[in-house]
Amino acid sequence: MRPCTRVLTGVVVTAVLAGCGVPSAGDVHRVDRQDVPYGLLSGATGSATPSTSPREQELPGVPTVYFVRDDQLVGVPVQQGGTTTARNLGAVVGALSSGPTGQQRAQGLDTALPPALHLAVAEVAGRTATVDLQGQDVAAVGDQGPLAVGQVVLTAASVPGVDRVLLTRQGRPVQAQLADGTLTDRPLAPGDYASLVARHAR
């Protein structure tokens, strides 16, 4: 005889099912939550919490600024500017634009970014952050090679909610060097510069 059951949230209902051997009438019995098999109540609450965008969602993780030491990229965790993607992204990009502190320079950290270059977060769409390159030294970013680009990409992508980084100037994508020297204007991912990260920092 085939068993026929219906499971509702927190309530087991004995229904009238012809041919299933179930009694033609019965009472409704309330079952304690601890007696319901594991997993049956998952996601079955009466009022679901609305999903939120990356800008609004509280996110875990430690944003990191990447500087240069011995021709390798070294990550330095920074204090979070907030609990959202946009705020944390602004905090790390601002710290990267400012360059290493005096204490960090004393530890051998430097930057491959030109001093007159300014980084501005243009937008976060989906999981791609657009960082606009501003200032007189924009053209010099390419001359600095993959280390400079890697600093920007790895720093921005360290923020939870960001997987890729698009570099622009005045809203237009710019070509940037990958770790192997290849030029591209597509959104960049941390994996494009993983080979440049100091081994102890991976």
C-alpha atoms as a PDB file:
ATOM      1  CA  MET A   1       0.000   0.000   0.000  1.00  0.00           C
ATOM      2  CA  ARG A   2       1.486   3.378  -1.008  1.00  0.00           C
ATOM      3  CA  PRO A   3       1.838   5.846   1.921  1.00  0.00           C
ATOM      4  CA  CYS A   4       0.430   9.295   1.215  1.00  0.00           C
ATOM      5  CA  THR A   5       1.458  12.178   3.454  1.00  0.00           C
ATOM      6  CA  ARG A   6       1.337  15.880   3.290  1.00  0.00           C
ATOM      7  CA  VAL A   7       3.657  17.969   5.451  1.00  0.00           C
ATOM      8  CA  LEU A   8       2.775  21.576   6.224  1.00  0.00           C
ATOM      9  CA  THR A   9       4.805  24.020   8.307  1.00  0.00           C
ATOM     10  CA  GLY A  10       4.646  22.875  11.911  1.00  0.00           C
ATOM     11  CA  VAL A  11       1.376  20.950  11.353  1.00  0.00           C
ATOM     12  CA  VAL A  12       0.722  17.408  10.230  1.00  0.00           C
ATOM     13  CA  VAL A  13      -2.704  17.106   8.627  1.00  0.00           C
ATOM     14  CA  THR A  14      -4.431  13.768   8.364  1.00  0.00           C
ATOM     15  CA  ALA A  15      -6.478  14.148   5.184  1.00  0.00           C
ATOM     16  CA  VAL A  16      -9.101  12.113   3.429  1.00  0.00           C
ATOM     17  CA  LEU A  17      -7.328  10.278   0.615  1.00  0.00           C
ATOM     18  CA  ALA A  18      -9.249   7.605  -1.233  1.00  0.00           C
ATOM     19  CA  GLY A  19      -7.484   4.317  -1.778  1.00  0.00           C
ATOM     20  CA  CYS A  20      -4.536   5.172   0.424  1.00  0.00           C
ATOM     21  CA  GLY A  21      -5.696   3.397   3.504  1.00  0.00           C
ATOM     22  CA  VAL A  22      -6.087   6.630   5.403  1.00  0.00           C
ATOM     23  CA  PRO A  23      -9.067   6.953   7.729  1.00  0.00           C
ATOM     24  CA  SER A  24     -11.972   8.818   6.187  1.00  0.00           C
ATOM     25  CA  ALA A  25     -12.028  11.291   9.039  1.00  0.00           C
ATOM     26  CA  GLY A  26      -9.589  12.431  11.624  1.00  0.00           C
ATOM     27  CA  ASP A  27      -8.458  15.219  13.860  1.00  0.00           C
ATOM     28  CA  VAL A  28      -5.756  17.751  13.189  1.00  0.00           C
ATOM     29  CA  HIS A  29      -2.830  17.276  15.548  1.00  0.00           C
ATOM     30  CA  ARG A  30      -0.265  19.983  16.282  1.00  0.00           C
ATOM     31  CA  VAL A  31       3.300  18.681  16.418  1.00  0.00           C
ATOM     32  CA  ASP A  32       6.048  20.367  18.423  1.00  0.00           C
ATOM     33  CA  ARG A  33       8.874  21.811  16.321  1.00  0.00           C
ATOM     34  CA  GLN A  34      11.419  19.511  17.940  1.00  0.00           C
ATOM     35  CA  ASP A  35       9.419  16.478  16.779  1.00  0.00           C
ATOM     36  CA  VAL A  36       9.463  17.497  13.110  1.00  0.00           C
ATOM     37  CA  PRO A  37      12.238  15.775  11.085  1.00  0.00           C
ATOM     38  CA  TYR A  38      15.296  17.958  10.517  1.00  0.00           C
ATOM     39  CA  GLY A  39      15.086  20.240   7.511  1.00  0.00           C
ATOM     40  CA  LEU A  40      11.327  20.169   6.941  1.00  0.00           C
ATOM     41  CA  LEU A  41      10.862  23.587   8.486  1.00  0.00           C
ATOM     42  CA  SER A  42      13.796  25.218   6.697  1.00  0.00           C
ATOM     43  CA  GLY A  43      12.731  28.333   4.818  1.00  0.00           C
ATOM     44  CA  ALA A  44       9.074  27.758   5.621  1.00  0.00           C
ATOM     45  CA  THR A  45       8.358  30.679   7.906  1.00  0.00           C
ATOM     46  CA  GLY A  46       5.173  32.591   7.407  1.00  0.00           C
ATOM     47  CA  SER A  47       6.831  35.940   6.649  1.00  0.00           C
ATOM     48  CA  ALA A  48      10.074  35.790   4.690  1.00  0.00           C
ATOM     49  CA  THR A  49      12.656  38.534   5.021  1.00  0.00           C
ATOM     50  CA  PRO A  50      12.948  40.420   1.703  1.00  0.00           C
ATOM     51  CA  SER A  51      16.263  40.003  -0.084  1.00  0.00           C
ATOM     52  CA  THR A  52      18.447  43.088  -0.124  1.00  0.00           C
ATOM     53  CA  SER A  53      20.918  44.482  -2.627  1.00  0.00           C
ATOM     54  CA  PRO A  54      24.682  44.283  -2.015  1.00  0.00           C
ATOM     55  CA  ARG A  55      24.612  47.982  -1.077  1.00  0.00           C
ATOM     56  CA  GLU A  56      22.143  47.332   1.747  1.00  0.00           C
ATOM     57  CA  GLN A  57      23.054  43.850   2.879  1.00  0.00           C
ATOM     58  CA  GLU A  58      25.233  43.429   5.941  1.00  0.00           C
ATOM     59  CA  LEU A  59      28.356  41.658   4.817  1.00  0.00           C
ATOM     60  CA  PRO A  60      31.097  39.728   6.637  1.00  0.00           C
ATOM     61  CA  GLY A  61      34.775  39.811   5.741  1.00  0.00           C
ATOM     62  CA  VAL A  62      37.799  42.041   6.120  1.00  0.00           C
ATOM     63  CA  PRO A  63      38.485  44.581   3.339  1.00  0.00           C
ATOM     64  CA  THR A  64      42.167  44.759   2.453  1.00  0.00           C
ATOM     65  CA  VAL A  65      44.429  47.341   0.827  1.00  0.00           C
ATOM     66  CA  TYR A  66      47.223  45.970  -1.348  1.00  0.00           C
ATOM     67  CA  PHE A  67      50.615  47.657  -1.420  1.00  0.00           C
ATOM     68  CA  VAL A  68      53.958  46.632  -2.938  1.00  0.00           C
ATOM     69  CA  ARG A  69      56.998  45.130  -1.260  1.00  0.00           C
ATOM     70  CA  ASP A  70      59.885  43.495  -3.116  1.00  0.00           C
ATOM     71  CA  ASP A  71      57.932  43.625  -6.389  1.00  0.00           C
ATOM     72  CA  GLN A  72      55.075  41.650  -4.884  1.00  0.00           C
ATOM     73  CA  LEU A  73      51.612  42.626  -3.684  1.00  0.00           C
ATOM     74  CA  VAL A  74      51.032  42.516   0.066  1.00  0.00           C
ATOM     75  CA  GLY A  75      47.589  42.860   1.636  1.00  0.00           C
ATOM     76  CA  VAL A  76      46.988  45.034   4.686  1.00  0.00           C
ATOM     77  CA  PRO A  77      43.583  44.646   6.413  1.00  0.00           C
ATOM     78  CA  VAL A  78      41.862  47.960   7.105  1.00  0.00           C
ATOM     79  CA  GLN A  79      39.136  49.051   9.466  1.00  0.00           C
ATOM     80  CA  GLN A  80      35.789  48.705   7.762  1.00  0.00           C
ATOM     81  CA  GLY A  81      34.101  51.943   6.783  1.00  0.00           C
ATOM     82  CA  GLY A  82      30.689  50.340   7.191  1.00  0.00           C
ATOM     83  CA  THR A  83      28.717  47.145   6.800  1.00  0.00           C
ATOM     84  CA  THR A  84      27.797  47.574   3.144  1.00  0.00           C
ATOM     85  CA  THR A  85      29.597  47.013  -0.124  1.00  0.00           C
ATOM     86  CA  ALA A  86      29.533  50.678  -1.124  1.00  0.00           C
ATOM     87  CA  ARG A  87      30.931  51.968   2.169  1.00  0.00           C
ATOM     88  CA  ASN A  88      33.660  49.371   2.478  1.00  0.00           C
ATOM     89  CA  LEU A  89      34.639  49.857  -1.155  1.00  0.00           C
ATOM     90  CA  GLY A  90      34.937  53.600  -0.660  1.00  0.00           C
ATOM     91  CA  ALA A  91      37.076  53.055   2.447  1.00  0.00           C
ATOM     92  CA  VAL A  92      39.616  50.727   0.838  1.00  0.00           C
ATOM     93  CA  VAL A  93      39.853  52.679  -2.425  1.00  0.00           C
ATOM     94  CA  GLY A  94      40.389  55.869  -0.449  1.00  0.00           C
ATOM     95  CA  ALA A  95      43.129  54.232   1.626  1.00  0.00           C
ATOM     96  CA  LEU A  96      44.798  52.935  -1.534  1.00  0.00           C
ATOM     97  CA  SER A  97      44.716  56.403  -3.113  1.00  0.00           C
ATOM     98  CA  SER A  98      46.349  57.864   0.006  1.00  0.00           C
ATOM     99  CA  GLY A  99      49.217  55.379  -0.167  1.00  0.00           C
ATOM    100  CA  PRO A 100      51.070  53.656   2.680  1.00  0.00           C
ATOM    101  CA  THR A 101      51.279  55.406   6.029  1.00  0.00           C
ATOM    102  CA  GLY A 102      54.638  56.332   7.519  1.00  0.00           C
ATOM    103  CA  GLN A 103      54.548  53.226   9.691  1.00  0.00           C
ATOM    104  CA  GLN A 104      53.725  51.029   6.703  1.00  0.00           C
ATOM    105  CA  ARG A 105      56.566  52.543   4.680  1.00  0.00           C
ATOM    106  CA  ALA A 106      58.885  51.783   7.584  1.00  0.00           C
ATOM    107  CA  GLN A 107      57.818  48.154   7.159  1.00  0.00           C
ATOM    108  CA  GLY A 108      58.928  48.234   3.532  1.00  0.00           C
ATOM    109  CA  LEU A 109      55.536  48.807   1.924  1.00  0.00           C
ATOM    110  CA  ASP A 110      55.260  51.080  -1.103  1.00  0.00           C
ATOM    111  CA  THR A 111      52.857  51.732  -3.955  1.00  0.00           C
ATOM    112  CA  ALA A 112      53.174  51.412  -7.718  1.00  0.00           C
ATOM    113  CA  LEU A 113      50.437  53.992  -8.271  1.00  0.00           C
ATOM    114  CA  PRO A 114      51.529  57.451  -9.486  1.00  0.00           C
ATOM    115  CA  PRO A 115      51.252  60.133  -6.768  1.00  0.00           C
ATOM    116  CA  ALA A 116      48.878  62.385  -8.744  1.00  0.00           C
ATOM    117  CA  LEU A 117      46.458  59.570  -9.542  1.00  0.00           C
ATOM    118  CA  HIS A 118      43.090  59.639  -7.812  1.00  0.00           C
ATOM    119  CA  LEU A 119      40.747  56.641  -7.640  1.00  0.00           C
ATOM    120  CA  ALA A 120      37.000  57.176  -7.468  1.00  0.00           C
ATOM    121  CA  VAL A 121      34.283  54.546  -7.122  1.00  0.00           C
ATOM    122  CA  ALA A 122      31.847  55.231  -9.964  1.00  0.00           C
ATOM    123  CA  GLU A 123      29.303  52.494  -9.293  1.00  0.00           C
ATOM    124  CA  VAL A 124      28.677  48.941  -8.160  1.00  0.00           C
ATOM    125  CA  ALA A 125      26.493  47.013 -10.592  1.00  0.00           C
ATOM    126  CA  GLY A 126      25.795  43.414  -9.688  1.00  0.00           C
ATOM    127  CA  ARG A 127      29.127  42.211  -8.330  1.00  0.00           C
ATOM    128  CA  THR A 128      31.263  44.429 -10.577  1.00  0.00           C
ATOM    129  CA  ALA A 129      32.744  47.648  -9.207  1.00  0.00           C
ATOM    130  CA  THR A 130      33.654  50.439 -11.600  1.00  0.00           C
ATOM    131  CA  VAL A 131      36.666  52.484 -10.489  1.00  0.00           C
ATOM    132  CA  ASP A 132      37.348  55.692 -12.395  1.00  0.00           C
ATOM    133  CA  LEU A 133      40.968  56.817 -12.803  1.00  0.00           C
ATOM    134  CA  GLN A 134      41.317  60.552 -12.331  1.00  0.00           C
ATOM    135  CA  GLY A 135      44.186  63.019 -12.281  1.00  0.00           C
ATOM    136  CA  GLN A 136      47.195  63.897 -14.412  1.00  0.00           C
ATOM    137  CA  ASP A 137      48.904  60.522 -14.046  1.00  0.00           C
ATOM    138  CA  VAL A 138      46.133  58.349 -15.477  1.00  0.00           C
ATOM    139  CA  ALA A 139      48.222  57.392 -18.499  1.00  0.00           C
ATOM    140  CA  ALA A 140      51.075  56.393 -16.198  1.00  0.00           C
ATOM    141  CA  VAL A 141      49.075  53.541 -14.692  1.00  0.00           C
ATOM    142  CA  GLY A 142      49.767  51.440 -17.767  1.00  0.00           C
ATOM    143  CA  ASP A 143      53.440  52.373 -17.617  1.00  0.00           C
ATOM    144  CA  GLN A 144      53.661  51.093 -14.042  1.00  0.00           C
ATOM    145  CA  GLY A 145      52.659  47.649 -15.266  1.00  0.00           C
ATOM    146  CA  PRO A 146      50.584  44.927 -13.646  1.00  0.00           C
ATOM    147  CA  LEU A 147      51.588  45.794 -10.073  1.00  0.00           C
ATOM    148  CA  ALA A 148      49.727  49.109 -10.198  1.00  0.00           C
ATOM    149  CA  VAL A 149      46.636  47.590 -11.783  1.00  0.00           C
ATOM    150  CA  GLY A 150      46.809  44.611  -9.440  1.00  0.00           C
ATOM    151  CA  GLN A 151      46.770  46.929  -6.433  1.00  0.00           C
ATOM    152  CA  VAL A 152      43.499  48.469  -7.573  1.00  0.00           C
ATOM    153  CA  VAL A 153      41.820  45.213  -8.572  1.00  0.00           C
ATOM    154  CA  LEU A 154      42.805  43.162  -5.526  1.00  0.00           C
ATOM    155  CA  THR A 155      41.972  45.996  -3.145  1.00  0.00           C
ATOM    156  CA  ALA A 156      38.508  46.600  -4.592  1.00  0.00           C
ATOM    157  CA  ALA A 157      37.733  42.888  -4.931  1.00  0.00           C
ATOM    158  CA  SER A 158      38.653  42.255  -1.284  1.00  0.00           C
ATOM    159  CA  VAL A 159      35.350  43.872  -0.332  1.00  0.00           C
ATOM    160  CA  PRO A 160      32.551  41.313   0.111  1.00  0.00           C
ATOM    161  CA  GLY A 161      30.067  41.783  -2.703  1.00  0.00           C
ATOM    162  CA  VAL A 162      32.690  42.648  -5.344  1.00  0.00           C
ATOM    163  CA  ASP A 163      34.044  39.961  -7.682  1.00  0.00           C
ATOM    164  CA  ARG A 164      35.298  42.036 -10.610  1.00  0.00           C
ATOM    165  CA  VAL A 165      36.631  45.523 -11.226  1.00  0.00           C
ATOM    166  CA  LEU A 166      36.218  47.658 -14.334  1.00  0.00           C
ATOM    167  CA  LEU A 167      38.707  50.500 -14.767  1.00  0.00           C
ATOM    168  CA  THR A 168      37.473  53.595 -16.567  1.00  0.00           C
ATOM    169  CA  ARG A 169      38.455  57.164 -17.347  1.00  0.00           C
ATOM    170  CA  GLN A 170      35.634  59.647 -17.716  1.00  0.00           C
ATOM    171  CA  GLY A 171      33.242  56.710 -17.900  1.00  0.00           C
ATOM    172  CA  ARG A 172      35.052  54.874 -20.690  1.00  0.00           C
ATOM    173  CA  PRO A 173      36.850  51.542 -20.136  1.00  0.00           C
ATOM    174  CA  VAL A 174      40.641  51.797 -20.271  1.00  0.00           C
ATOM    175  CA  GLN A 175      43.124  49.110 -21.209  1.00  0.00           C
ATOM    176  CA  ALA A 176      45.015  47.599 -18.313  1.00  0.00           C
ATOM    177  CA  GLN A 177      47.816  45.069 -18.052  1.00  0.00           C
ATOM    178  CA  LEU A 178      47.215  41.594 -16.733  1.00  0.00           C
ATOM    179  CA  ALA A 179      49.927  39.817 -14.747  1.00  0.00           C
ATOM    180  CA  ASP A 180      51.444  38.456 -17.965  1.00  0.00           C
ATOM    181  CA  GLY A 181      51.512  41.896 -19.589  1.00  0.00           C
ATOM    182  CA  THR A 182      48.495  41.315 -21.829  1.00  0.00           C
ATOM    183  CA  LEU A 183      46.306  44.383 -22.358  1.00  0.00           C
ATOM    184  CA  THR A 184      42.545  44.177 -21.881  1.00  0.00           C
ATOM    185  CA  ASP A 185      39.628  46.500 -21.228  1.00  0.00           C
ATOM    186  CA  ARG A 186      37.328  43.842 -19.761  1.00  0.00           C
ATOM    187  CA  PRO A 187      36.365  43.691 -16.071  1.00  0.00           C
ATOM    188  CA  LEU A 188      39.298  42.331 -14.082  1.00  0.00           C
ATOM    189  CA  ALA A 189      39.258  39.582 -11.447  1.00  0.00           C
ATOM    190  CA  PRO A 190      41.599  38.823  -8.524  1.00  0.00           C
ATOM    191  CA  GLY A 191      42.758  35.680 -10.305  1.00  0.00           C
ATOM    192  CA  ASP A 192      44.274  37.846 -13.037  1.00  0.00           C
ATOM    193  CA  TYR A 193      46.886  39.023 -10.518  1.00  0.00           C
ATOM    194  CA  ALA A 194      47.151  36.080  -8.113  1.00  0.00           C
ATOM    195  CA  SER A 195      50.688  35.323  -9.296  1.00  0.00           C
ATOM    196  CA  LEU A 196      51.820  38.761  -8.082  1.00  0.00           C
ATOM    197  CA  VAL A 197      50.650  38.295  -4.492  1.00  0.00           C
ATOM    198  CA  ALA A 198      53.371  37.579  -1.937  1.00  0.00           C
ATOM    199  CA  ARG A 199      53.285  33.907  -1.044  1.00  0.00           C
ATOM    200  CA  HIS A 200      52.761  34.480   2.673  1.00  0.00           C
ATOM    201  CA  ALA A 201      49.837  36.818   1.903  1.00  0.00           C
ATOM    202  CA  ARG A 202      47.826  34.376  -0.235  1.00  0.00           C
END
